Amino acid sequence: MASKEYDASFLIQSITQAMDIKTSIVIILQQVEILETDHLHVIGCREKGIGIKLTSRDAQSDVD
């Protein structure tokens, strides 16, 4: 995987403009080549941050 740098403001802007926060995060992570997992859980969305839990294909026992 090639190393890339992304401006945090791009991520913040993309998230705040999205109607569906979960879909937005999935799309953003795909764009920055981070999302290589089957499951994404938005833990919380607050004014100053978003909590994300990514689980790998091998960690399905952690999923409901």
PDB file of N, CA and C in Angstrom:
ATOM      1  N   MET A   1       0.849  -1.189   0.000  1.00  0.00           N
ATOM      2  CA  MET A   1       0.000   0.000   0.000  1.00  0.00           C
ATOM      3  C   MET A   1       0.888   1.243   0.000  1.00  0.00           C
ATOM      4  N   ALA A   2       0.610   2.140  -0.892  1.00  0.00           N
ATOM      5  CA  ALA A   2       1.388   3.367  -0.987  1.00  0.00           C
ATOM      6  C   ALA A   2       1.045   4.293   0.173  1.00  0.00           C
ATOM      7  N   SER A   3       2.061   4.973   0.661  1.00  0.00           N
ATOM      8  CA  SER A   3       1.836   5.940   1.738  1.00  0.00           C
ATOM      9  C   SER A   3       1.252   7.218   1.157  1.00  0.00           C
ATOM     10  N   LYS A   4       0.259   7.733   1.812  1.00  0.00           N
ATOM     11  CA  LYS A   4      -0.361   8.977   1.375  1.00  0.00           C
ATOM     12  C   LYS A   4      -0.601   9.848   2.587  1.00  0.00           C
ATOM     13  N   GLU A   5      -0.610  11.155   2.371  1.00  0.00           N
ATOM     14  CA  GLU A   5      -0.915  12.081   3.449  1.00  0.00           C
ATOM     15  C   GLU A   5      -2.235  12.763   3.143  1.00  0.00           C
ATOM     16  N   TYR A   6      -3.050  12.927   4.172  1.00  0.00           N
ATOM     17  CA  TYR A   6      -4.347  13.569   4.016  1.00  0.00           C
ATOM     18  C   TYR A   6      -4.496  14.668   5.049  1.00  0.00           C
ATOM     19  N   ASP A   7      -5.073  15.755   4.611  1.00  0.00           N
ATOM     20  CA  ASP A   7      -5.329  16.879   5.511  1.00  0.00           C
ATOM     21  C   ASP A   7      -6.536  16.537   6.378  1.00  0.00           C
ATOM     22  N   ALA A   8      -6.399  16.688   7.684  1.00  0.00           N
ATOM     23  CA  ALA A   8      -7.501  16.374   8.598  1.00  0.00           C
ATOM     24  C   ALA A   8      -8.746  17.193   8.282  1.00  0.00           C
ATOM     25  N   SER A   9      -8.560  18.400   7.772  1.00  0.00           N
ATOM     26  CA  SER A   9      -9.719  19.241   7.454  1.00  0.00           C
ATOM     27  C   SER A   9     -10.581  18.611   6.368  1.00  0.00           C
ATOM     28  N   PHE A  10      -9.957  17.850   5.463  1.00  0.00           N
ATOM     29  CA  PHE A  10     -10.710  17.136   4.431  1.00  0.00           C
ATOM     30  C   PHE A  10     -11.652  16.119   5.073  1.00  0.00           C
ATOM     31  N   LEU A  11     -11.137  15.377   6.041  1.00  0.00           N
ATOM     32  CA  LEU A  11     -11.962  14.373   6.717  1.00  0.00           C
ATOM     33  C   LEU A  11     -13.089  15.027   7.508  1.00  0.00           C
ATOM     34  N   ILE A  12     -12.754  16.073   8.248  1.00  0.00           N
ATOM     35  CA  ILE A  12     -13.761  16.765   9.059  1.00  0.00           C
ATOM     36  C   ILE A  12     -14.850  17.355   8.176  1.00  0.00           C
ATOM     37  N   GLN A  13     -14.454  17.985   7.090  1.00  0.00           N
ATOM     38  CA  GLN A  13     -15.410  18.603   6.177  1.00  0.00           C
ATOM     39  C   GLN A  13     -16.320  17.538   5.564  1.00  0.00           C
ATOM     40  N   SER A  14     -15.739  16.416   5.157  1.00  0.00           N
ATOM     41  CA  SER A  14     -16.529  15.343   4.558  1.00  0.00           C
ATOM     42  C   SER A  14     -17.553  14.782   5.540  1.00  0.00           C
ATOM     43  N   ILE A  15     -17.124  14.633   6.797  1.00  0.00           N
ATOM     44  CA  ILE A  15     -18.023  14.098   7.817  1.00  0.00           C
ATOM     45  C   ILE A  15     -19.158  15.081   8.121  1.00  0.00           C
ATOM     46  N   THR A  16     -18.822  16.337   8.294  1.00  0.00           N
ATOM     47  CA  THR A  16     -19.842  17.306   8.690  1.00  0.00           C
ATOM     48  C   THR A  16     -20.837  17.581   7.572  1.00  0.00           C
ATOM     49  N   GLN A  17     -20.451  17.354   6.328  1.00  0.00           N
ATOM     50  CA  GLN A  17     -21.351  17.601   5.210  1.00  0.00           C
ATOM     51  C   GLN A  17     -22.254  16.398   4.914  1.00  0.00           C
ATOM     52  N   ALA A  18     -21.958  15.279   5.514  1.00  0.00           N
ATOM     53  CA  ALA A  18     -22.696  14.060   5.191  1.00  0.00           C
ATOM     54  C   ALA A  18     -24.031  13.993   5.926  1.00  0.00           C
ATOM     55  N   MET A  19     -25.042  13.452   5.254  1.00  0.00           N
ATOM     56  CA  MET A  19     -26.335  13.241   5.880  1.00  0.00           C
ATOM     57  C   MET A  19     -26.310  11.980   6.741  1.00  0.00           C
ATOM     58  N   ASP A  20     -25.646  10.956   6.255  1.00  0.00           N
ATOM     59  CA  ASP A  20     -25.570   9.684   6.976  1.00  0.00           C
ATOM     60  C   ASP A  20     -24.142   9.509   7.484  1.00  0.00           C
ATOM     61  N   ILE A  21     -23.949   9.707   8.768  1.00  0.00           N
ATOM     62  CA  ILE A  21     -22.607   9.717   9.343  1.00  0.00           C
ATOM     63  C   ILE A  21     -21.903   8.378   9.168  1.00  0.00           C
ATOM     64  N   LYS A  22     -22.586   7.275   9.317  1.00  0.00           N
ATOM     65  CA  LYS A  22     -21.927   5.974   9.199  1.00  0.00           C
ATOM     66  C   LYS A  22     -21.454   5.735   7.772  1.00  0.00           C
ATOM     67  N   THR A  23     -22.312   5.998   6.807  1.00  0.00           N
ATOM     68  CA  THR A  23     -21.935   5.830   5.413  1.00  0.00           C
ATOM     69  C   THR A  23     -20.772   6.746   5.055  1.00  0.00           C
ATOM     70  N   SER A  24     -20.817   7.958   5.571  1.00  0.00           N
ATOM     71  CA  SER A  24     -19.750   8.922   5.309  1.00  0.00           C
ATOM     72  C   SER A  24     -18.406   8.400   5.790  1.00  0.00           C
ATOM     73  N   ILE A  25     -18.371   7.854   6.979  1.00  0.00           N
ATOM     74  CA  ILE A  25     -17.114   7.357   7.535  1.00  0.00           C
ATOM     75  C   ILE A  25     -16.603   6.181   6.711  1.00  0.00           C
ATOM     76  N   VAL A  26     -17.488   5.301   6.298  1.00  0.00           N
ATOM     77  CA  VAL A  26     -17.079   4.170   5.463  1.00  0.00           C
ATOM     78  C   VAL A  26     -16.450   4.679   4.168  1.00  0.00           C
ATOM     79  N   ILE A  27     -17.106   5.642   3.543  1.00  0.00           N
ATOM     80  CA  ILE A  27     -16.599   6.198   2.284  1.00  0.00           C
ATOM     81  C   ILE A  27     -15.249   6.876   2.495  1.00  0.00           C
ATOM     82  N   ILE A  28     -15.137   7.654   3.559  1.00  0.00           N
ATOM     83  CA  ILE A  28     -13.875   8.356   3.835  1.00  0.00           C
ATOM     84  C   ILE A  28     -12.752   7.355   4.076  1.00  0.00           C
ATOM     85  N   LEU A  29     -13.010   6.338   4.876  1.00  0.00           N
ATOM     86  CA  LEU A  29     -11.967   5.356   5.163  1.00  0.00           C
ATOM     87  C   LEU A  29     -11.563   4.596   3.908  1.00  0.00           C
ATOM     88  N   GLN A  30     -12.516   4.335   3.025  1.00  0.00           N
ATOM     89  CA  GLN A  30     -12.181   3.697   1.762  1.00  0.00           C
ATOM     90  C   GLN A  30     -11.304   4.616   0.921  1.00  0.00           C
ATOM     91  N   GLN A  31     -11.610   5.907   0.938  1.00  0.00           N
ATOM     92  CA  GLN A  31     -10.846   6.867   0.153  1.00  0.00           C
ATOM     93  C   GLN A  31      -9.405   6.963   0.639  1.00  0.00           C
ATOM     94  N   VAL A  32      -9.184   6.841   1.927  1.00  0.00           N
ATOM     95  CA  VAL A  32      -7.827   6.944   2.447  1.00  0.00           C
ATOM     96  C   VAL A  32      -7.184   5.564   2.619  1.00  0.00           C
ATOM     97  N   GLU A  33      -7.830   4.553   2.069  1.00  0.00           N
ATOM     98  CA  GLU A  33      -7.299   3.190   2.048  1.00  0.00           C
ATOM     99  C   GLU A  33      -7.033   2.638   3.447  1.00  0.00           C
ATOM    100  N   ILE A  34      -7.890   2.991   4.377  1.00  0.00           N
ATOM    101  CA  ILE A  34      -7.785   2.451   5.736  1.00  0.00           C
ATOM    102  C   ILE A  34      -8.751   1.281   5.897  1.00  0.00           C
ATOM    103  N   LEU A  35      -9.914   1.377   5.294  1.00  0.00           N
ATOM    104  CA  LEU A  35     -10.967   0.400   5.533  1.00  0.00           C
ATOM    105  C   LEU A  35     -10.691  -0.888   4.768  1.00  0.00           C
ATOM    106  N   GLU A  36     -10.188  -1.879   5.474  1.00  0.00           N
ATOM    107  CA  GLU A  36      -9.966  -3.199   4.893  1.00  0.00           C
ATOM    108  C   GLU A  36     -10.692  -4.239   5.742  1.00  0.00           C
ATOM    109  N   THR A  37     -11.738  -3.814   6.412  1.00  0.00           N
ATOM    110  CA  THR A  37     -12.464  -4.686   7.326  1.00  0.00           C
ATOM    111  C   THR A  37     -13.920  -4.822   6.891  1.00  0.00           C
ATOM    112  N   ASP A  38     -14.584  -5.815   7.428  1.00  0.00           N
ATOM    113  CA  ASP A  38     -15.976  -6.080   7.087  1.00  0.00           C
ATOM    114  C   ASP A  38     -16.943  -5.272   7.934  1.00  0.00           C
ATOM    115  N   HIS A  39     -16.522  -4.886   9.112  1.00  0.00           N
ATOM    116  CA  HIS A  39     -17.450  -4.270  10.056  1.00  0.00           C
ATOM    117  C   HIS A  39     -16.950  -2.921  10.527  1.00  0.00           C
ATOM    118  N   LEU A  40     -17.833  -1.966  10.544  1.00  0.00           N
ATOM    119  CA  LEU A  40     -17.498  -0.637  11.076  1.00  0.00           C
ATOM    120  C   LEU A  40     -18.624  -0.211  11.993  1.00  0.00           C
ATOM    121  N   HIS A  41     -18.265   0.224  13.173  1.00  0.00           N
ATOM    122  CA  HIS A  41     -19.269   0.662  14.137  1.00  0.00           C
ATOM    123  C   HIS A  41     -18.968   2.094  14.555  1.00  0.00           C
ATOM    124  N   VAL A  42     -19.931   2.964  14.389  1.00  0.00           N
ATOM    125  CA  VAL A  42     -19.771   4.323  14.877  1.00  0.00           C
ATOM    126  C   VAL A  42     -20.137   4.307  16.362  1.00  0.00           C
ATOM    127  N   ILE A  43     -19.142   4.493  17.203  1.00  0.00           N
ATOM    128  CA  ILE A  43     -19.348   4.414  18.646  1.00  0.00           C
ATOM    129  C   ILE A  43     -20.017   5.681  19.160  1.00  0.00           C
ATOM    130  N   GLY A  44     -19.616   6.810  18.629  1.00  0.00           N
ATOM    131  CA  GLY A  44     -20.222   8.056  19.081  1.00  0.00           C
ATOM    132  C   GLY A  44     -19.839   9.202  18.176  1.00  0.00           C
ATOM    133  N   CYS A  45     -20.716  10.166  18.079  1.00  0.00           N
ATOM    134  CA  CYS A  45     -20.428  11.350  17.292  1.00  0.00           C
ATOM    135  C   CYS A  45     -20.661  12.560  18.188  1.00  0.00           C
ATOM    136  N   ARG A  46     -19.597  13.233  18.538  1.00  0.00           N
ATOM    137  CA  ARG A  46     -19.701  14.404  19.395  1.00  0.00           C
ATOM    138  C   ARG A  46     -19.144  15.603  18.652  1.00  0.00           C
ATOM    139  N   GLU A  47     -19.354  16.747  19.211  1.00  0.00           N
ATOM    140  CA  GLU A  47     -18.922  17.980  18.562  1.00  0.00           C
ATOM    141  C   GLU A  47     -17.407  17.990  18.289  1.00  0.00           C
ATOM    142  N   LYS A  48     -16.654  17.388  19.192  1.00  0.00           N
ATOM    143  CA  LYS A  48     -15.194  17.448  19.051  1.00  0.00           C
ATOM    144  C   LYS A  48     -14.573  16.157  18.553  1.00  0.00           C
ATOM    145  N   GLY A  49     -15.358  15.141  18.252  1.00  0.00           N
ATOM    146  CA  GLY A  49     -14.730  13.914  17.773  1.00  0.00           C
ATOM    147  C   GLY A  49     -15.721  12.815  17.484  1.00  0.00           C
ATOM    148  N   ILE A  50     -15.245  11.822  16.790  1.00  0.00           N
ATOM    149  CA  ILE A  50     -16.067  10.676  16.427  1.00  0.00           C
ATOM    150  C   ILE A  50     -15.321   9.414  16.847  1.00  0.00           C
ATOM    151  N   GLY A  51     -15.995   8.533  17.541  1.00  0.00           N
ATOM    152  CA  GLY A  51     -15.387   7.271  17.938  1.00  0.00           C
ATOM    153  C   GLY A  51     -15.730   6.197  16.916  1.00  0.00           C
ATOM    154  N   ILE A  52     -14.715   5.473  16.488  1.00  0.00           N
ATOM    155  CA  ILE A  52     -14.926   4.442  15.470  1.00  0.00           C
ATOM    156  C   ILE A  52     -14.311   3.139  15.968  1.00  0.00           C
ATOM    157  N   LYS A  53     -15.013   2.052  15.777  1.00  0.00           N
ATOM    158  CA  LYS A  53     -14.464   0.736  16.094  1.00  0.00           C
ATOM    159  C   LYS A  53     -14.432  -0.073  14.807  1.00  0.00           C
ATOM    160  N   LEU A  54     -13.243  -0.494  14.419  1.00  0.00           N
ATOM    161  CA  LEU A  54     -13.109  -1.343  13.246  1.00  0.00           C
ATOM    162  C   LEU A  54     -12.789  -2.756  13.716  1.00  0.00           C
ATOM    163  N   THR A  55     -13.475  -3.721  13.156  1.00  0.00           N
ATOM    164  CA  THR A  55     -13.179  -5.101  13.493  1.00  0.00           C
ATOM    165  C   THR A  55     -12.761  -5.837  12.224  1.00  0.00           C
ATOM    166  N   SER A  56     -11.763  -6.662  12.331  1.00  0.00           N
ATOM    167  CA  SER A  56     -11.269  -7.387  11.164  1.00  0.00           C
ATOM    168  C   SER A  56     -12.137  -8.615  10.910  1.00  0.00           C
ATOM    169  N   ARG A  57     -11.923  -9.220   9.771  1.00  0.00           N
ATOM    170  CA  ARG A  57     -12.678 -10.426   9.403  1.00  0.00           C
ATOM    171  C   ARG A  57     -12.436 -11.540  10.416  1.00  0.00           C
ATOM    172  N   ASP A  58     -11.258 -11.532  11.017  1.00  0.00           N
ATOM    173  CA  ASP A  58     -10.906 -12.590  11.967  1.00  0.00           C
ATOM    174  C   ASP A  58     -11.481 -12.347  13.356  1.00  0.00           C
ATOM    175  N   ALA A  59     -12.080 -11.178  13.577  1.00  0.00           N
ATOM    176  CA  ALA A  59     -12.566 -10.823  14.911  1.00  0.00           C
ATOM    177  C   ALA A  59     -14.088 -10.806  14.964  1.00  0.00           C
ATOM    178  N   GLN A  60     -14.730 -11.653  14.188  1.00  0.00           N
ATOM    179  CA  GLN A  60     -16.185 -11.633  14.124  1.00  0.00           C
ATOM    180  C   GLN A  60     -16.839 -12.070  15.424  1.00  0.00           C
ATOM    181  N   SER A  61     -16.090 -12.706  16.298  1.00  0.00           N
ATOM    182  CA  SER A  61     -16.653 -13.091  17.592  1.00  0.00           C
ATOM    183  C   SER A  61     -16.978 -11.864  18.439  1.00  0.00           C
ATOM    184  N   ASP A  62     -16.371 -10.717  18.107  1.00  0.00           N
ATOM    185  CA  ASP A  62     -16.644  -9.487  18.836  1.00  0.00           C
ATOM    186  C   ASP A  62     -17.906  -8.787  18.340  1.00  0.00           C
ATOM    187  N   VAL A  63     -18.473  -9.285  17.257  1.00  0.00           N
ATOM    188  CA  VAL A  63     -19.626  -8.636  16.636  1.00  0.00           C
ATOM    189  C   VAL A  63     -20.899  -9.334  17.083  1.00  0.00           C
ATOM    190  N   ASP A  64     -21.950  -8.547  17.289  1.00  0.00           N
ATOM    191  CA  ASP A  64     -23.233  -9.119  17.713  1.00  0.00           C
ATOM    192  C   ASP A  64     -23.730 -10.150  16.720  1.00  0.00           C
TER     193      ASP A  64
END
